[in-house]
Amino acid sequence: MQAVPPKAAERLMGFLIPPASREEVLGDLHERYRCRRQYIRDAVFTVPLVIASRIRRTVDPLVLLMEAFILYTSFLAAAWYKDRTFLNGQWGLLRLAIPAATALVVLMLDDVYARPGKRSLLKQIRGPALGVGVALLSQAIPRWIMFCGGGMGLLLVSATRLLFPPVAGRPQGANGPAVWLEQAGEPVNMSSDVIRLLKSVGAIVALLVVYELSKRG
């Protein structure tokens, strides 16, 4: 009789694996099962690859940069309006990036774990709402700046997602897991415009660090 993985382990893997790849990956792990240690080792190696593959399939770099700019600008505008002294404090400008980055990561994970196909209006707004909600828990900046910036960011990012909806999941190949394993190792192809934008973002971050260090000096 062929050994099968424990039901609890399969349920846990089903929770961790994005829905678009869940059936194929669980089936592949099930067929390769020999013992519990081997199943855990395969799962630890496989799940990050699947998530990385879904990020490549669902995240548009240009839209992601737009959302990052919108979120950071929202918190910056809230700090400028509510408490300008915060901007002159130690690492004030860089601290504003913490809730923005947190919300951005949650947005990406929401796209990764969304079911493929056309989304309803409520599901398109769900990601920004979750992202801002988790960012509010970070408490990296004063409460009123967090609430005002989060509300503004939620509104603007939701509008951006309605104009530029997330990339729809591409159809899976007939070979299932072999396809996503192959795609997981492919490099991300970015246009020259995206590369220039990434360099610009890096330059802005470097300028913020230099500015903060000059204030401390």
N, C-alpha and C. Protein backbone atom coordinates (compact mmCIF):
# COMPACT_ATOMS: atom_id res chain seq x y z
N MET A 1 0.85 -1.20 0.00
CA MET A 1 0.00 0.00 0.00
C MET A 1 0.88 1.25 0.00
N GLN A 2 0.60 2.17 -0.92
CA GLN A 2 1.43 3.37 -1.03
C GLN A 2 1.19 4.31 0.14
N ALA A 3 2.29 4.87 0.67
CA ALA A 3 2.18 5.81 1.78
C ALA A 3 1.56 7.11 1.29
N VAL A 4 0.76 7.72 2.15
CA VAL A 4 0.11 9.00 1.81
C VAL A 4 0.44 10.01 2.91
N PRO A 5 0.52 11.30 2.56
CA PRO A 5 0.83 12.32 3.56
C PRO A 5 -0.32 12.49 4.55
N PRO A 6 -0.03 12.92 5.76
CA PRO A 6 -1.09 13.16 6.75
C PRO A 6 -2.06 14.23 6.26
N LYS A 7 -3.34 14.05 6.60
CA LYS A 7 -4.36 15.01 6.18
C LYS A 7 -4.10 16.41 6.72
N ALA A 8 -3.61 16.48 7.97
CA ALA A 8 -3.33 17.79 8.56
C ALA A 8 -2.24 18.52 7.79
N ALA A 9 -1.21 17.77 7.36
CA ALA A 9 -0.12 18.38 6.59
C ALA A 9 -0.62 18.86 5.24
N GLU A 10 -1.49 18.09 4.60
CA GLU A 10 -2.03 18.50 3.30
C GLU A 10 -2.94 19.73 3.44
N ARG A 11 -3.70 19.79 4.53
CA ARG A 11 -4.54 20.98 4.74
C ARG A 11 -3.68 22.22 4.96
N LEU A 12 -2.58 22.06 5.71
CA LEU A 12 -1.68 23.18 5.93
C LEU A 12 -1.04 23.63 4.62
N MET A 13 -0.59 22.68 3.80
CA MET A 13 -0.01 23.04 2.51
C MET A 13 -1.05 23.70 1.61
N GLY A 14 -2.29 23.20 1.67
CA GLY A 14 -3.35 23.82 0.87
C GLY A 14 -3.62 25.25 1.28
N PHE A 15 -3.42 25.55 2.55
CA PHE A 15 -3.60 26.93 3.03
C PHE A 15 -2.46 27.82 2.57
N LEU A 16 -1.24 27.28 2.53
CA LEU A 16 -0.07 28.09 2.18
C LEU A 16 0.10 28.28 0.67
N ILE A 17 -0.36 27.33 -0.12
CA ILE A 17 -0.18 27.40 -1.57
C ILE A 17 -1.26 28.28 -2.19
N PRO A 18 -0.92 29.21 -3.07
CA PRO A 18 -1.92 30.05 -3.74
C PRO A 18 -2.96 29.20 -4.48
N PRO A 19 -4.23 29.63 -4.49
CA PRO A 19 -5.30 28.83 -5.11
C PRO A 19 -5.05 28.46 -6.57
N ALA A 20 -4.43 29.36 -7.34
CA ALA A 20 -4.23 29.10 -8.77
C ALA A 20 -3.34 27.89 -9.02
N SER A 21 -2.47 27.55 -8.07
CA SER A 21 -1.54 26.43 -8.25
C SER A 21 -1.77 25.32 -7.24
N ARG A 22 -2.81 25.46 -6.43
CA ARG A 22 -2.97 24.56 -5.27
C ARG A 22 -3.18 23.11 -5.70
N GLU A 23 -4.10 22.86 -6.61
CA GLU A 23 -4.43 21.48 -6.97
C GLU A 23 -3.24 20.75 -7.57
N GLU A 24 -2.53 21.41 -8.49
CA GLU A 24 -1.40 20.76 -9.16
C GLU A 24 -0.26 20.48 -8.19
N VAL A 25 0.04 21.48 -7.33
CA VAL A 25 1.17 21.32 -6.43
C VAL A 25 0.87 20.27 -5.36
N LEU A 26 -0.34 20.31 -4.80
CA LEU A 26 -0.70 19.30 -3.81
C LEU A 26 -0.66 17.90 -4.41
N GLY A 27 -1.13 17.78 -5.66
CA GLY A 27 -1.08 16.47 -6.31
C GLY A 27 0.34 15.99 -6.51
N ASP A 28 1.22 16.90 -6.89
CA ASP A 28 2.62 16.53 -7.11
C ASP A 28 3.28 16.12 -5.79
N LEU A 29 3.02 16.90 -4.73
CA LEU A 29 3.58 16.54 -3.42
C LEU A 29 3.03 15.21 -2.93
N HIS A 30 1.76 14.95 -3.23
CA HIS A 30 1.13 13.69 -2.81
C HIS A 30 1.80 12.50 -3.51
N GLU A 31 2.05 12.64 -4.80
CA GLU A 31 2.65 11.54 -5.55
C GLU A 31 4.09 11.28 -5.13
N ARG A 32 4.80 12.32 -4.72
CA ARG A 32 6.21 12.16 -4.35
C ARG A 32 6.39 11.78 -2.88
N TYR A 33 5.30 11.63 -2.14
CA TYR A 33 5.40 11.38 -0.70
C TYR A 33 6.04 10.01 -0.42
N ARG A 34 7.05 10.02 0.44
CA ARG A 34 7.68 8.80 0.90
C ARG A 34 7.65 8.70 2.43
N CYS A 35 7.95 9.84 3.06
CA CYS A 35 7.90 9.89 4.52
C CYS A 35 7.62 11.32 4.93
N ARG A 36 7.33 11.53 6.21
CA ARG A 36 6.95 12.85 6.68
C ARG A 36 8.09 13.85 6.54
N ARG A 37 9.31 13.43 6.83
CA ARG A 37 10.45 14.34 6.73
C ARG A 37 10.65 14.79 5.28
N GLN A 38 10.56 13.84 4.35
CA GLN A 38 10.72 14.19 2.94
C GLN A 38 9.61 15.12 2.46
N TYR A 39 8.38 14.91 2.96
CA TYR A 39 7.24 15.76 2.57
C TYR A 39 7.46 17.19 3.07
N ILE A 40 7.93 17.32 4.30
CA ILE A 40 8.18 18.66 4.85
C ILE A 40 9.30 19.34 4.07
N ARG A 41 10.36 18.59 3.73
CA ARG A 41 11.47 19.17 2.98
C ARG A 41 11.01 19.64 1.60
N ASP A 42 10.20 18.83 0.92
CA ASP A 42 9.69 19.22 -0.39
C ASP A 42 8.78 20.45 -0.28
N ALA A 43 7.98 20.49 0.77
CA ALA A 43 7.06 21.61 0.94
C ALA A 43 7.82 22.91 1.22
N VAL A 44 8.84 22.83 2.07
CA VAL A 44 9.63 24.03 2.39
C VAL A 44 10.33 24.56 1.14
N PHE A 45 10.76 23.68 0.26
CA PHE A 45 11.41 24.10 -0.98
C PHE A 45 10.40 24.59 -2.02
N THR A 46 9.22 23.98 -2.05
CA THR A 46 8.25 24.23 -3.12
C THR A 46 7.43 25.49 -2.90
N VAL A 47 6.91 25.70 -1.70
CA VAL A 47 5.97 26.80 -1.46
C VAL A 47 6.57 28.16 -1.81
N PRO A 48 7.81 28.49 -1.39
CA PRO A 48 8.36 29.79 -1.81
C PRO A 48 8.48 29.94 -3.32
N LEU A 49 8.81 28.83 -4.03
CA LEU A 49 8.90 28.90 -5.48
C LEU A 49 7.54 29.19 -6.12
N VAL A 50 6.50 28.58 -5.57
CA VAL A 50 5.16 28.80 -6.10
C VAL A 50 4.73 30.25 -5.87
N ILE A 51 5.00 30.76 -4.67
CA ILE A 51 4.64 32.15 -4.36
C ILE A 51 5.41 33.11 -5.26
N ALA A 52 6.71 32.85 -5.45
CA ALA A 52 7.51 33.71 -6.34
C ALA A 52 6.99 33.67 -7.77
N SER A 53 6.58 32.47 -8.22
CA SER A 53 6.03 32.35 -9.56
C SER A 53 4.73 33.13 -9.70
N ARG A 54 3.89 33.09 -8.68
CA ARG A 54 2.62 33.83 -8.73
C ARG A 54 2.86 35.34 -8.68
N ILE A 55 3.89 35.77 -7.95
CA ILE A 55 4.22 37.20 -7.93
C ILE A 55 4.59 37.66 -9.33
N ARG A 56 5.41 36.86 -10.03
CA ARG A 56 5.80 37.21 -11.40
C ARG A 56 4.58 37.27 -12.32
N ARG A 57 3.60 36.42 -12.06
CA ARG A 57 2.44 36.35 -12.94
C ARG A 57 1.40 37.43 -12.64
N THR A 58 1.32 37.89 -11.41
CA THR A 58 0.21 38.77 -11.02
C THR A 58 0.60 40.23 -10.79
N VAL A 59 1.89 40.49 -10.53
CA VAL A 59 2.30 41.85 -10.17
C VAL A 59 2.84 42.58 -11.39
N ASP A 60 2.26 43.72 -11.70
CA ASP A 60 2.75 44.60 -12.75
C ASP A 60 3.73 45.59 -12.12
N PRO A 61 5.02 45.57 -12.51
CA PRO A 61 6.00 46.44 -11.85
C PRO A 61 5.64 47.93 -11.91
N LEU A 62 5.11 48.39 -13.03
CA LEU A 62 4.76 49.80 -13.16
C LEU A 62 3.64 50.18 -12.19
N VAL A 63 2.60 49.34 -12.13
CA VAL A 63 1.49 49.62 -11.22
C VAL A 63 1.97 49.53 -9.77
N LEU A 64 2.86 48.58 -9.49
CA LEU A 64 3.40 48.44 -8.13
C LEU A 64 4.15 49.71 -7.71
N LEU A 65 4.95 50.27 -8.63
CA LEU A 65 5.67 51.50 -8.33
C LEU A 65 4.70 52.67 -8.14
N MET A 66 3.66 52.71 -8.93
CA MET A 66 2.63 53.74 -8.76
C MET A 66 2.00 53.65 -7.38
N GLU A 67 1.66 52.44 -6.96
CA GLU A 67 1.03 52.24 -5.66
C GLU A 67 2.00 52.60 -4.53
N ALA A 68 3.28 52.25 -4.69
CA ALA A 68 4.27 52.62 -3.68
C ALA A 68 4.38 54.14 -3.55
N PHE A 69 4.42 54.82 -4.69
CA PHE A 69 4.50 56.28 -4.67
C PHE A 69 3.25 56.89 -4.03
N ILE A 70 2.08 56.36 -4.36
CA ILE A 70 0.83 56.88 -3.81
C ILE A 70 0.79 56.69 -2.30
N LEU A 71 1.16 55.51 -1.83
CA LEU A 71 1.10 55.24 -0.39
C LEU A 71 2.06 56.13 0.38
N TYR A 72 3.30 56.22 -0.11
CA TYR A 72 4.27 57.05 0.61
C TYR A 72 3.85 58.52 0.59
N THR A 73 3.39 59.01 -0.56
CA THR A 73 2.96 60.40 -0.66
C THR A 73 1.77 60.67 0.24
N SER A 74 0.88 59.70 0.40
CA SER A 74 -0.28 59.88 1.28
C SER A 74 0.15 60.10 2.72
N PHE A 75 1.07 59.26 3.20
CA PHE A 75 1.56 59.43 4.57
C PHE A 75 2.39 60.71 4.71
N LEU A 76 3.13 61.06 3.66
CA LEU A 76 3.91 62.30 3.69
C LEU A 76 2.99 63.52 3.76
N ALA A 77 1.91 63.52 2.97
CA ALA A 77 0.97 64.63 2.99
C ALA A 77 0.26 64.73 4.34
N ALA A 78 -0.08 63.57 4.92
CA ALA A 78 -0.73 63.58 6.23
C ALA A 78 0.20 64.15 7.30
N ALA A 79 1.49 63.76 7.24
CA ALA A 79 2.46 64.30 8.21
C ALA A 79 2.64 65.80 8.01
N TRP A 80 2.67 66.25 6.77
CA TRP A 80 2.82 67.68 6.48
C TRP A 80 1.63 68.47 7.01
N TYR A 81 0.45 67.88 6.94
CA TYR A 81 -0.76 68.58 7.36
C TYR A 81 -0.96 68.51 8.87
N LYS A 82 -0.71 67.33 9.47
CA LYS A 82 -1.03 67.13 10.88
C LYS A 82 0.11 67.53 11.82
N ASP A 83 1.34 67.22 11.45
CA ASP A 83 2.45 67.45 12.38
C ASP A 83 3.75 67.58 11.59
N ARG A 84 4.08 68.80 11.20
CA ARG A 84 5.29 69.00 10.40
C ARG A 84 6.56 68.77 11.21
N THR A 85 6.45 68.88 12.52
CA THR A 85 7.64 68.63 13.35
C THR A 85 8.11 67.18 13.24
N PHE A 86 7.18 66.28 12.92
CA PHE A 86 7.56 64.87 12.76
C PHE A 86 8.54 64.71 11.61
N LEU A 87 8.36 65.47 10.55
CA LEU A 87 9.23 65.37 9.38
C LEU A 87 10.65 65.82 9.70
N ASN A 88 10.79 66.72 10.68
CA ASN A 88 12.11 67.21 11.07
C ASN A 88 12.75 66.37 12.15
N GLY A 89 12.01 65.37 12.65
CA GLY A 89 12.55 64.52 13.69
C GLY A 89 13.51 63.49 13.14
N GLN A 90 14.04 62.66 14.03
CA GLN A 90 15.04 61.66 13.64
C GLN A 90 14.41 60.61 12.73
N TRP A 91 14.95 60.47 11.54
CA TRP A 91 14.49 59.50 10.55
C TRP A 91 13.00 59.65 10.22
N GLY A 92 12.48 60.85 10.32
CA GLY A 92 11.06 61.06 10.09
C GLY A 92 10.61 60.64 8.69
N LEU A 93 11.34 61.07 7.67
CA LEU A 93 10.95 60.74 6.30
C LEU A 93 11.06 59.25 6.01
N LEU A 94 12.06 58.61 6.58
CA LEU A 94 12.21 57.18 6.35
C LEU A 94 11.18 56.37 7.13
N ARG A 95 10.78 56.84 8.29
CA ARG A 95 9.76 56.13 9.07
C ARG A 95 8.43 56.09 8.35
N LEU A 96 8.18 57.10 7.51
CA LEU A 96 6.93 57.10 6.73
C LEU A 96 6.90 55.96 5.72
N ALA A 97 8.07 55.45 5.36
CA ALA A 97 8.12 54.36 4.38
C ALA A 97 7.70 53.01 4.99
N ILE A 98 7.73 52.89 6.34
CA ILE A 98 7.40 51.61 6.97
C ILE A 98 5.95 51.22 6.73
N PRO A 99 4.96 52.07 7.05
CA PRO A 99 3.58 51.67 6.77
C PRO A 99 3.30 51.54 5.27
N ALA A 100 3.94 52.37 4.45
CA ALA A 100 3.75 52.26 3.00
C ALA A 100 4.26 50.92 2.49
N ALA A 101 5.45 50.50 2.92
CA ALA A 101 6.01 49.22 2.49
C ALA A 101 5.18 48.05 3.02
N THR A 102 4.69 48.17 4.25
CA THR A 102 3.85 47.11 4.81
C THR A 102 2.58 46.92 4.00
N ALA A 103 1.92 48.03 3.67
CA ALA A 103 0.70 47.95 2.86
C ALA A 103 0.99 47.37 1.49
N LEU A 104 2.15 47.71 0.92
CA LEU A 104 2.50 47.22 -0.41
C LEU A 104 2.71 45.71 -0.41
N VAL A 105 3.36 45.18 0.62
CA VAL A 105 3.58 43.74 0.72
C VAL A 105 2.25 43.00 0.82
N VAL A 106 1.32 43.54 1.63
CA VAL A 106 0.01 42.91 1.77
C VAL A 106 -0.75 42.95 0.45
N LEU A 107 -0.64 44.05 -0.28
CA LEU A 107 -1.27 44.14 -1.60
C LEU A 107 -0.75 43.04 -2.54
N MET A 108 0.56 42.83 -2.54
CA MET A 108 1.15 41.80 -3.39
C MET A 108 0.65 40.42 -2.98
N LEU A 109 0.60 40.14 -1.68
CA LEU A 109 0.13 38.83 -1.23
C LEU A 109 -1.34 38.62 -1.54
N ASP A 110 -2.13 39.70 -1.48
CA ASP A 110 -3.54 39.57 -1.84
C ASP A 110 -3.69 39.18 -3.31
N ASP A 111 -2.86 39.74 -4.18
CA ASP A 111 -2.89 39.35 -5.59
C ASP A 111 -2.44 37.91 -5.77
N VAL A 112 -1.42 37.51 -5.01
CA VAL A 112 -0.89 36.15 -5.14
C VAL A 112 -1.93 35.11 -4.74
N TYR A 113 -2.67 35.38 -3.65
CA TYR A 113 -3.61 34.39 -3.13
C TYR A 113 -5.03 34.59 -3.64
N ALA A 114 -5.23 35.53 -4.56
CA ALA A 114 -6.56 35.72 -5.15
C ALA A 114 -6.81 34.60 -6.16
N ARG A 115 -8.06 34.22 -6.28
CA ARG A 115 -8.41 33.20 -7.26
C ARG A 115 -8.37 33.81 -8.66
N PRO A 116 -7.85 33.08 -9.64
CA PRO A 116 -7.75 33.62 -10.99
C PRO A 116 -9.13 33.92 -11.58
N GLY A 117 -9.15 34.88 -12.50
CA GLY A 117 -10.41 35.28 -13.12
C GLY A 117 -10.76 36.71 -12.79
N LYS A 118 -11.82 37.18 -13.39
CA LYS A 118 -12.25 38.55 -13.18
C LYS A 118 -12.72 38.76 -11.75
N ARG A 119 -12.30 39.87 -11.14
CA ARG A 119 -12.65 40.17 -9.76
C ARG A 119 -13.82 41.15 -9.69
N SER A 120 -14.61 41.00 -8.64
CA SER A 120 -15.68 41.96 -8.39
C SER A 120 -15.09 43.24 -7.81
N LEU A 121 -15.92 44.27 -7.75
CA LEU A 121 -15.47 45.55 -7.20
C LEU A 121 -15.01 45.39 -5.75
N LEU A 122 -15.75 44.62 -4.97
CA LEU A 122 -15.40 44.42 -3.57
C LEU A 122 -14.06 43.73 -3.41
N LYS A 123 -13.78 42.74 -4.26
CA LYS A 123 -12.51 42.01 -4.16
C LYS A 123 -11.34 42.87 -4.62
N GLN A 124 -11.58 43.81 -5.54
CA GLN A 124 -10.49 44.70 -5.96
C GLN A 124 -10.13 45.69 -4.86
N ILE A 125 -11.11 46.07 -4.05
CA ILE A 125 -10.85 47.00 -2.95
C ILE A 125 -10.32 46.27 -1.72
N ARG A 126 -10.53 44.96 -1.66
CA ARG A 126 -10.12 44.19 -0.48
C ARG A 126 -8.63 44.31 -0.21
N GLY A 127 -7.81 44.21 -1.27
CA GLY A 127 -6.36 44.28 -1.09
C GLY A 127 -5.89 45.58 -0.47
N PRO A 128 -6.29 46.75 -1.02
CA PRO A 128 -5.91 48.02 -0.37
C PRO A 128 -6.41 48.13 1.06
N ALA A 129 -7.62 47.65 1.32
CA ALA A 129 -8.16 47.74 2.68
C ALA A 129 -7.34 46.89 3.65
N LEU A 130 -6.99 45.67 3.24
CA LEU A 130 -6.15 44.82 4.09
C LEU A 130 -4.77 45.42 4.28
N GLY A 131 -4.20 45.95 3.20
CA GLY A 131 -2.86 46.54 3.29
C GLY A 131 -2.81 47.70 4.25
N VAL A 132 -3.77 48.62 4.12
CA VAL A 132 -3.80 49.77 5.03
C VAL A 132 -4.11 49.32 6.45
N GLY A 133 -4.99 48.33 6.60
CA GLY A 133 -5.32 47.83 7.94
C GLY A 133 -4.10 47.25 8.66
N VAL A 134 -3.31 46.45 7.93
CA VAL A 134 -2.09 45.89 8.54
C VAL A 134 -1.08 47.00 8.81
N ALA A 135 -1.00 47.98 7.91
CA ALA A 135 -0.06 49.09 8.12
C ALA A 135 -0.41 49.87 9.38
N LEU A 136 -1.71 50.00 9.69
CA LEU A 136 -2.11 50.72 10.89
C LEU A 136 -1.62 50.02 12.16
N LEU A 137 -1.41 48.71 12.07
CA LEU A 137 -0.95 47.96 13.24
C LEU A 137 0.55 48.13 13.49
N SER A 138 1.27 48.65 12.51
CA SER A 138 2.72 48.76 12.66
C SER A 138 3.13 49.81 13.68
N GLN A 139 2.31 50.87 13.86
CA GLN A 139 2.56 51.93 14.84
C GLN A 139 3.95 52.54 14.67
N ALA A 140 4.40 52.65 13.42
CA ALA A 140 5.72 53.22 13.16
C ALA A 140 5.70 54.73 13.19
N ILE A 141 4.53 55.32 13.00
CA ILE A 141 4.39 56.78 12.99
C ILE A 141 3.23 57.17 13.88
N PRO A 142 3.09 58.45 14.26
CA PRO A 142 2.00 58.88 15.14
C PRO A 142 0.62 58.48 14.62
N ARG A 143 -0.30 58.30 15.54
CA ARG A 143 -1.61 57.73 15.22
C ARG A 143 -2.38 58.54 14.20
N TRP A 144 -2.44 59.86 14.39
CA TRP A 144 -3.26 60.67 13.50
C TRP A 144 -2.66 60.73 12.09
N ILE A 145 -1.34 60.74 12.00
CA ILE A 145 -0.71 60.68 10.67
C ILE A 145 -1.03 59.33 10.01
N MET A 146 -1.02 58.27 10.81
CA MET A 146 -1.32 56.94 10.29
C MET A 146 -2.74 56.86 9.77
N PHE A 147 -3.71 57.38 10.54
CA PHE A 147 -5.11 57.30 10.14
C PHE A 147 -5.39 58.17 8.90
N CYS A 148 -4.89 59.39 8.91
CA CYS A 148 -5.13 60.30 7.77
C CYS A 148 -4.43 59.78 6.51
N GLY A 149 -3.15 59.40 6.64
CA GLY A 149 -2.42 58.88 5.49
C GLY A 149 -2.99 57.56 5.01
N GLY A 150 -3.40 56.70 5.94
CA GLY A 150 -3.99 55.43 5.55
C GLY A 150 -5.30 55.60 4.81
N GLY A 151 -6.14 56.52 5.29
CA GLY A 151 -7.40 56.76 4.60
C GLY A 151 -7.19 57.31 3.20
N MET A 152 -6.27 58.26 3.08
CA MET A 152 -5.98 58.83 1.76
C MET A 152 -5.38 57.77 0.83
N GLY A 153 -4.44 56.97 1.37
CA GLY A 153 -3.83 55.92 0.57
C GLY A 153 -4.84 54.88 0.13
N LEU A 154 -5.77 54.51 1.02
CA LEU A 154 -6.80 53.53 0.67
C LEU A 154 -7.66 54.02 -0.48
N LEU A 155 -8.06 55.28 -0.41
CA LEU A 155 -8.89 55.84 -1.47
C LEU A 155 -8.15 55.88 -2.81
N LEU A 156 -6.91 56.38 -2.80
CA LEU A 156 -6.17 56.56 -4.05
C LEU A 156 -5.72 55.22 -4.65
N VAL A 157 -5.27 54.30 -3.80
CA VAL A 157 -4.83 53.00 -4.32
C VAL A 157 -6.02 52.21 -4.86
N SER A 158 -7.18 52.31 -4.19
CA SER A 158 -8.37 51.63 -4.68
C SER A 158 -8.75 52.17 -6.05
N ALA A 159 -8.68 53.49 -6.21
CA ALA A 159 -8.99 54.08 -7.52
C ALA A 159 -7.98 53.62 -8.57
N THR A 160 -6.71 53.53 -8.19
CA THR A 160 -5.68 53.07 -9.12
C THR A 160 -5.94 51.63 -9.55
N ARG A 161 -6.36 50.80 -8.62
CA ARG A 161 -6.61 49.39 -8.95
C ARG A 161 -7.85 49.23 -9.83
N LEU A 162 -8.80 50.14 -9.70
CA LEU A 162 -9.95 50.08 -10.59
C LEU A 162 -9.56 50.48 -12.01
N LEU A 163 -8.62 51.42 -12.12
CA LEU A 163 -8.15 51.84 -13.45
C LEU A 163 -7.17 50.84 -14.04
N PHE A 164 -6.31 50.26 -13.18
CA PHE A 164 -5.31 49.29 -13.63
C PHE A 164 -5.47 48.02 -12.81
N PRO A 165 -6.42 47.17 -13.13
CA PRO A 165 -6.66 45.96 -12.33
C PRO A 165 -5.45 45.04 -12.36
N PRO A 166 -5.28 44.20 -11.32
CA PRO A 166 -4.15 43.27 -11.28
C PRO A 166 -4.13 42.34 -12.48
N VAL A 167 -2.93 41.90 -12.84
CA VAL A 167 -2.78 41.01 -13.98
C VAL A 167 -3.51 39.70 -13.72
N ALA A 168 -4.32 39.29 -14.66
CA ALA A 168 -5.07 38.04 -14.49
C ALA A 168 -4.13 36.86 -14.54
N GLY A 169 -4.45 35.82 -13.77
CA GLY A 169 -3.62 34.61 -13.79
C GLY A 169 -3.64 33.94 -15.15
N ARG A 170 -2.46 33.59 -15.65
CA ARG A 170 -2.36 32.94 -16.94
C ARG A 170 -2.71 31.47 -16.80
N PRO A 171 -3.19 30.84 -17.86
CA PRO A 171 -3.59 29.43 -17.76
C PRO A 171 -2.40 28.53 -17.47
N GLN A 172 -2.67 27.53 -16.66
CA GLN A 172 -1.63 26.56 -16.32
C GLN A 172 -1.42 25.57 -17.46
N GLY A 173 -0.20 25.08 -17.59
CA GLY A 173 0.08 24.08 -18.62
C GLY A 173 -0.43 22.71 -18.22
N ALA A 174 -0.46 21.79 -19.16
CA ALA A 174 -0.99 20.46 -18.90
C ALA A 174 -0.11 19.70 -17.92
N ASN A 175 1.17 20.03 -17.87
CA ASN A 175 2.08 19.30 -16.99
C ASN A 175 2.06 19.80 -15.56
N GLY A 176 1.29 20.83 -15.27
CA GLY A 176 1.10 21.31 -13.91
C GLY A 176 2.37 21.75 -13.23
N PRO A 177 2.80 21.03 -12.21
CA PRO A 177 3.94 21.45 -11.40
C PRO A 177 5.22 21.67 -12.18
N ALA A 178 5.45 20.88 -13.24
CA ALA A 178 6.67 21.07 -14.01
C ALA A 178 6.69 22.46 -14.64
N VAL A 179 5.51 22.98 -14.99
CA VAL A 179 5.42 24.31 -15.59
C VAL A 179 5.80 25.38 -14.59
N TRP A 180 5.19 25.34 -13.39
CA TRP A 180 5.50 26.40 -12.44
C TRP A 180 6.91 26.29 -11.90
N LEU A 181 7.45 25.06 -11.82
CA LEU A 181 8.83 24.94 -11.40
C LEU A 181 9.77 25.56 -12.43
N GLU A 182 9.44 25.37 -13.71
CA GLU A 182 10.26 25.95 -14.76
C GLU A 182 10.14 27.47 -14.77
N GLN A 183 8.90 27.97 -14.58
CA GLN A 183 8.69 29.41 -14.58
C GLN A 183 9.32 30.07 -13.37
N ALA A 184 9.37 29.34 -12.25
CA ALA A 184 9.93 29.93 -11.03
C ALA A 184 11.39 30.25 -11.20
N GLY A 185 12.07 29.56 -12.11
CA GLY A 185 13.48 29.85 -12.31
C GLY A 185 13.76 30.85 -13.40
N GLU A 186 12.70 31.31 -14.11
CA GLU A 186 12.92 32.27 -15.18
C GLU A 186 13.19 33.65 -14.63
N PRO A 187 14.06 34.43 -15.26
CA PRO A 187 14.29 35.80 -14.81
C PRO A 187 13.11 36.68 -15.13
N VAL A 188 12.92 37.74 -14.33
CA VAL A 188 11.86 38.69 -14.58
C VAL A 188 12.29 39.64 -15.68
N ASN A 189 11.47 39.72 -16.73
CA ASN A 189 11.76 40.60 -17.83
C ASN A 189 11.16 41.97 -17.57
N MET A 190 11.97 42.99 -17.51
CA MET A 190 11.51 44.34 -17.26
C MET A 190 11.94 45.25 -18.40
N SER A 191 11.05 46.15 -18.75
CA SER A 191 11.36 47.10 -19.80
C SER A 191 12.37 48.13 -19.28
N SER A 192 12.95 48.88 -20.22
CA SER A 192 13.91 49.91 -19.83
C SER A 192 13.25 50.99 -18.99
N ASP A 193 11.95 51.25 -19.24
CA ASP A 193 11.23 52.25 -18.44
C ASP A 193 11.13 51.82 -16.98
N VAL A 194 10.85 50.53 -16.76
CA VAL A 194 10.75 50.03 -15.39
C VAL A 194 12.11 50.12 -14.69
N ILE A 195 13.16 49.77 -15.41
CA ILE A 195 14.50 49.84 -14.82
C ILE A 195 14.85 51.27 -14.44
N ARG A 196 14.50 52.23 -15.32
CA ARG A 196 14.77 53.63 -15.00
C ARG A 196 13.97 54.08 -13.78
N LEU A 197 12.73 53.59 -13.67
CA LEU A 197 11.93 53.94 -12.50
C LEU A 197 12.53 53.38 -11.22
N LEU A 198 13.01 52.12 -11.29
CA LEU A 198 13.63 51.52 -10.12
C LEU A 198 14.89 52.29 -9.70
N LYS A 199 15.66 52.72 -10.69
CA LYS A 199 16.85 53.52 -10.37
C LYS A 199 16.45 54.85 -9.74
N SER A 200 15.37 55.44 -10.21
CA SER A 200 14.90 56.70 -9.65
C SER A 200 14.46 56.53 -8.20
N VAL A 201 13.74 55.41 -7.94
CA VAL A 201 13.32 55.14 -6.56
C VAL A 201 14.53 54.95 -5.66
N GLY A 202 15.53 54.21 -6.15
CA GLY A 202 16.75 54.04 -5.37
C GLY A 202 17.45 55.35 -5.09
N ALA A 203 17.48 56.23 -6.09
CA ALA A 203 18.11 57.54 -5.90
C ALA A 203 17.36 58.37 -4.87
N ILE A 204 16.01 58.30 -4.89
CA ILE A 204 15.22 59.05 -3.92
C ILE A 204 15.48 58.53 -2.51
N VAL A 205 15.53 57.21 -2.35
CA VAL A 205 15.82 56.64 -1.03
C VAL A 205 17.20 57.07 -0.54
N ALA A 206 18.19 57.06 -1.44
CA ALA A 206 19.55 57.48 -1.07
C ALA A 206 19.55 58.95 -0.63
N LEU A 207 18.80 59.79 -1.34
CA LEU A 207 18.73 61.20 -0.97
C LEU A 207 18.07 61.38 0.39
N LEU A 208 17.04 60.59 0.68
CA LEU A 208 16.39 60.67 1.99
C LEU A 208 17.36 60.28 3.11
N VAL A 209 18.15 59.22 2.86
CA VAL A 209 19.12 58.82 3.87
C VAL A 209 20.17 59.90 4.10
N VAL A 210 20.67 60.49 3.01
CA VAL A 210 21.67 61.57 3.14
C VAL A 210 21.07 62.76 3.88
N TYR A 211 19.82 63.07 3.58
CA TYR A 211 19.17 64.21 4.25
C TYR A 211 19.03 63.95 5.75
N GLU A 212 18.61 62.72 6.09
CA GLU A 212 18.45 62.39 7.51
C GLU A 212 19.79 62.42 8.22
N LEU A 213 20.83 61.92 7.58
CA LEU A 213 22.15 61.92 8.20
C LEU A 213 22.68 63.34 8.37
N SER A 214 22.41 64.23 7.41
CA SER A 214 22.84 65.61 7.52
C SER A 214 22.13 66.32 8.67
N LYS A 215 20.84 65.96 8.91
CA LYS A 215 20.13 66.58 10.04
C LYS A 215 20.73 66.12 11.37
N ARG A 216 21.11 64.85 11.42
CA ARG A 216 21.70 64.35 12.66
C ARG A 216 23.07 64.94 12.91
N GLY A 217 23.79 65.27 11.78
CA GLY A 217 25.12 65.84 11.95
C GLY A 217 25.06 67.28 12.38
